Amino acid sequence: MIRESDLTKLYYSIGEVASMFDVNASLIRFWEKEFPSVKPKKNQKGNRRFTAENILELQRIYILVKKEGHTLEGARKALKSKPLENSESEKRSDIIAKLERIKHKLLQLKA
């Protein structure tokens, strides 16, 4: 499972996103068309640039469709009825990871 704290870059290519989920890039493009909540930015060449938010939404779609066996329509309904929410432990671990990075940077500055 991908956590927001694992996503350190500002943007990810479609190839990187596809490898995160071990699927073809064509499936990511298909889901982009089927689910309006996934809207990656595109550069001047038309290459997709996915944000951490896009990737977390794709993860929700992946779980619903691939793991839980929902149809696309069922996954759309599930996404509408259940807004994205992290569990308390995920929120805590994200905060701890961010604080660790800040501590590391501060120690580097001190040295």
C-alpha atoms as a PDB file:
ATOM      1  CA  MET A   1       0.000   0.000   0.000  1.00  0.00           C
ATOM      2  CA  ILE A   2       1.319   3.398  -0.987  1.00  0.00           C
ATOM      3  CA  ARG A   3       1.266   6.103   1.661  1.00  0.00           C
ATOM      4  CA  GLU A   4       1.497   9.803   1.031  1.00  0.00           C
ATOM      5  CA  SER A   5       4.780   9.905   2.948  1.00  0.00           C
ATOM      6  CA  ASP A   6       6.240   7.413   0.424  1.00  0.00           C
ATOM      7  CA  LEU A   7       5.626   9.848  -2.430  1.00  0.00           C
ATOM      8  CA  THR A   8       8.527  12.269  -2.251  1.00  0.00           C
ATOM      9  CA  LYS A   9       8.535  13.706  -5.773  1.00  0.00           C
ATOM     10  CA  LEU A  10       6.294  16.502  -7.001  1.00  0.00           C
ATOM     11  CA  TYR A  11       5.312  14.663 -10.187  1.00  0.00           C
ATOM     12  CA  TYR A  12       5.506  11.081 -11.467  1.00  0.00           C
ATOM     13  CA  SER A  13       5.422   9.844 -15.061  1.00  0.00           C
ATOM     14  CA  ILE A  14       2.798   7.389 -16.241  1.00  0.00           C
ATOM     15  CA  GLY A  15       5.470   4.684 -16.428  1.00  0.00           C
ATOM     16  CA  GLU A  16       6.425   5.217 -12.794  1.00  0.00           C
ATOM     17  CA  VAL A  17       2.773   5.109 -11.728  1.00  0.00           C
ATOM     18  CA  ALA A  18       2.109   1.968 -13.754  1.00  0.00           C
ATOM     19  CA  SER A  19       5.072   0.220 -12.130  1.00  0.00           C
ATOM     20  CA  MET A  20       3.836   1.200  -8.649  1.00  0.00           C
ATOM     21  CA  PHE A  21       0.685  -0.823  -9.294  1.00  0.00           C
ATOM     22  CA  ASP A  22       2.330  -3.427 -11.541  1.00  0.00           C
ATOM     23  CA  VAL A  23      -0.073  -2.664 -14.402  1.00  0.00           C
ATOM     24  CA  ASN A  24       0.296  -1.413 -17.976  1.00  0.00           C
ATOM     25  CA  ALA A  25       0.332   2.313 -18.679  1.00  0.00           C
ATOM     26  CA  SER A  26      -2.701   1.756 -20.909  1.00  0.00           C
ATOM     27  CA  LEU A  27      -4.740   0.747 -17.848  1.00  0.00           C
ATOM     28  CA  ILE A  28      -3.764   3.982 -16.090  1.00  0.00           C
ATOM     29  CA  ARG A  29      -4.868   5.962 -19.176  1.00  0.00           C
ATOM     30  CA  PHE A  30      -8.134   3.981 -19.259  1.00  0.00           C
ATOM     31  CA  TRP A  31      -8.848   4.692 -15.584  1.00  0.00           C
ATOM     32  CA  GLU A  32      -8.088   8.363 -16.206  1.00  0.00           C
ATOM     33  CA  LYS A  33     -10.899   8.400 -18.796  1.00  0.00           C
ATOM     34  CA  GLU A  34     -13.307   6.383 -16.648  1.00  0.00           C
ATOM     35  CA  PHE A  35     -12.804   8.185 -13.332  1.00  0.00           C
ATOM     36  CA  PRO A  36     -13.125  11.983 -13.410  1.00  0.00           C
ATOM     37  CA  SER A  37     -11.364  12.240 -10.039  1.00  0.00           C
ATOM     38  CA  VAL A  38      -8.050  11.330 -11.724  1.00  0.00           C
ATOM     39  CA  LYS A  39      -6.842  14.341 -13.661  1.00  0.00           C
ATOM     40  CA  PRO A  40      -3.056  14.371 -14.073  1.00  0.00           C
ATOM     41  CA  LYS A  41      -1.380  17.506 -15.332  1.00  0.00           C
ATOM     42  CA  LYS A  42       0.043  17.407 -18.846  1.00  0.00           C
ATOM     43  CA  ASN A  43       3.151  19.186 -20.074  1.00  0.00           C
ATOM     44  CA  GLN A  44       3.472  20.900 -23.465  1.00  0.00           C
ATOM     45  CA  LYS A  45       4.281  17.572 -25.117  1.00  0.00           C
ATOM     46  CA  GLY A  46       1.150  16.024 -23.621  1.00  0.00           C
ATOM     47  CA  ASN A  47       3.013  13.771 -21.187  1.00  0.00           C
ATOM     48  CA  ARG A  48       1.031  13.036 -18.060  1.00  0.00           C
ATOM     49  CA  ARG A  49       2.442  14.172 -14.715  1.00  0.00           C
ATOM     50  CA  PHE A  50       0.772  12.548 -11.728  1.00  0.00           C
ATOM     51  CA  THR A  51       0.748  14.163  -8.297  1.00  0.00           C
ATOM     52  CA  ALA A  52       0.721  12.296  -4.992  1.00  0.00           C
ATOM     53  CA  GLU A  53      -3.016  13.005  -4.774  1.00  0.00           C
ATOM     54  CA  ASN A  54      -3.573  11.423  -8.209  1.00  0.00           C
ATOM     55  CA  ILE A  55      -1.607   8.351  -7.168  1.00  0.00           C
ATOM     56  CA  LEU A  56      -3.565   7.920  -3.938  1.00  0.00           C
ATOM     57  CA  GLU A  57      -6.820   8.148  -5.913  1.00  0.00           C
ATOM     58  CA  LEU A  58      -5.516   5.564  -8.385  1.00  0.00           C
ATOM     59  CA  GLN A  59      -4.660   3.349  -5.437  1.00  0.00           C
ATOM     60  CA  ARG A  60      -8.250   3.547  -4.235  1.00  0.00           C
ATOM     61  CA  ILE A  61      -9.443   2.608  -7.733  1.00  0.00           C
ATOM     62  CA  TYR A  62      -6.921  -0.241  -7.921  1.00  0.00           C
ATOM     63  CA  ILE A  63      -8.109  -1.677  -4.597  1.00  0.00           C
ATOM     64  CA  LEU A  64     -11.775  -1.410  -5.536  1.00  0.00           C
ATOM     65  CA  VAL A  65     -11.396  -2.895  -9.027  1.00  0.00           C
ATOM     66  CA  LYS A  66      -8.483  -5.309  -8.788  1.00  0.00           C
ATOM     67  CA  LYS A  67      -8.578  -6.448  -5.162  1.00  0.00           C
ATOM     68  CA  GLU A  68     -12.255  -6.205  -4.220  1.00  0.00           C
ATOM     69  CA  GLY A  69     -13.622  -7.060  -7.674  1.00  0.00           C
ATOM     70  CA  HIS A  70     -15.932  -4.068  -8.171  1.00  0.00           C
ATOM     71  CA  THR A  71     -17.164  -3.190 -11.627  1.00  0.00           C
ATOM     72  CA  LEU A  72     -16.162   0.237 -12.910  1.00  0.00           C
ATOM     73  CA  GLU A  73     -19.637   1.553 -12.105  1.00  0.00           C
ATOM     74  CA  GLY A  74     -19.465   0.008  -8.638  1.00  0.00           C
ATOM     75  CA  ALA A  75     -16.054   1.562  -8.061  1.00  0.00           C
ATOM     76  CA  ARG A  76     -17.369   4.980  -9.153  1.00  0.00           C
ATOM     77  CA  LYS A  77     -20.234   4.706  -6.671  1.00  0.00           C
ATOM     78  CA  ALA A  78     -17.909   3.582  -3.894  1.00  0.00           C
ATOM     79  CA  LEU A  79     -15.580   6.521  -4.539  1.00  0.00           C
ATOM     80  CA  LYS A  80     -18.479   8.975  -4.381  1.00  0.00           C
ATOM     81  CA  SER A  81     -19.956   7.510  -1.211  1.00  0.00           C
ATOM     82  CA  LYS A  82     -16.670   7.115   0.667  1.00  0.00           C
ATOM     83  CA  PRO A  83     -14.414  10.184   0.639  1.00  0.00           C
ATOM     84  CA  LEU A  84     -10.682   9.666   1.003  1.00  0.00           C
ATOM     85  CA  GLU A  85      -9.771   9.292   4.630  1.00  0.00           C
ATOM     86  CA  ASN A  86      -6.605   8.092   6.264  1.00  0.00           C
ATOM     87  CA  SER A  87      -6.756   6.059   9.410  1.00  0.00           C
ATOM     88  CA  GLU A  88      -5.389   7.662  12.571  1.00  0.00           C
ATOM     89  CA  SER A  89      -2.321   5.427  12.519  1.00  0.00           C
ATOM     90  CA  GLU A  90      -1.571   6.410   8.902  1.00  0.00           C
ATOM     91  CA  LYS A  91      -1.904  10.084   9.794  1.00  0.00           C
ATOM     92  CA  ARG A  92       0.453   9.637  12.755  1.00  0.00           C
ATOM     93  CA  SER A  93       3.028   7.767  10.700  1.00  0.00           C
ATOM     94  CA  ASP A  94       2.887  10.451   7.995  1.00  0.00           C
ATOM     95  CA  ILE A  95       3.467  13.166  10.591  1.00  0.00           C
ATOM     96  CA  ILE A  96       6.329  11.231  12.158  1.00  0.00           C
ATOM     97  CA  ALA A  97       7.960  10.699   8.761  1.00  0.00           C
ATOM     98  CA  LYS A  98       7.712  14.426   7.974  1.00  0.00           C
ATOM     99  CA  LEU A  99       9.178  15.343  11.354  1.00  0.00           C
ATOM    100  CA  GLU A 100      12.047  12.881  10.824  1.00  0.00           C
ATOM    101  CA  ARG A 101      12.863  14.531   7.477  1.00  0.00           C
ATOM    102  CA  ILE A 102      12.797  17.976   9.095  1.00  0.00           C
ATOM    103  CA  LYS A 103      15.034  16.747  11.933  1.00  0.00           C
ATOM    104  CA  HIS A 104      17.480  15.285   9.408  1.00  0.00           C
ATOM    105  CA  LYS A 105      17.623  18.568   7.467  1.00  0.00           C
ATOM    106  CA  LEU A 106      18.103  20.594  10.653  1.00  0.00           C
ATOM    107  CA  LEU A 107      20.948  18.333  11.767  1.00  0.00           C
ATOM    108  CA  GLN A 108      22.584  18.766   8.361  1.00  0.00           C
ATOM    109  CA  LEU A 109      22.321  22.549   8.687  1.00  0.00           C
ATOM    110  CA  LYS A 110      23.791  22.423  12.183  1.00  0.00           C
ATOM    111  CA  ALA A 111      26.789  20.394  11.007  1.00  0.00           C
END
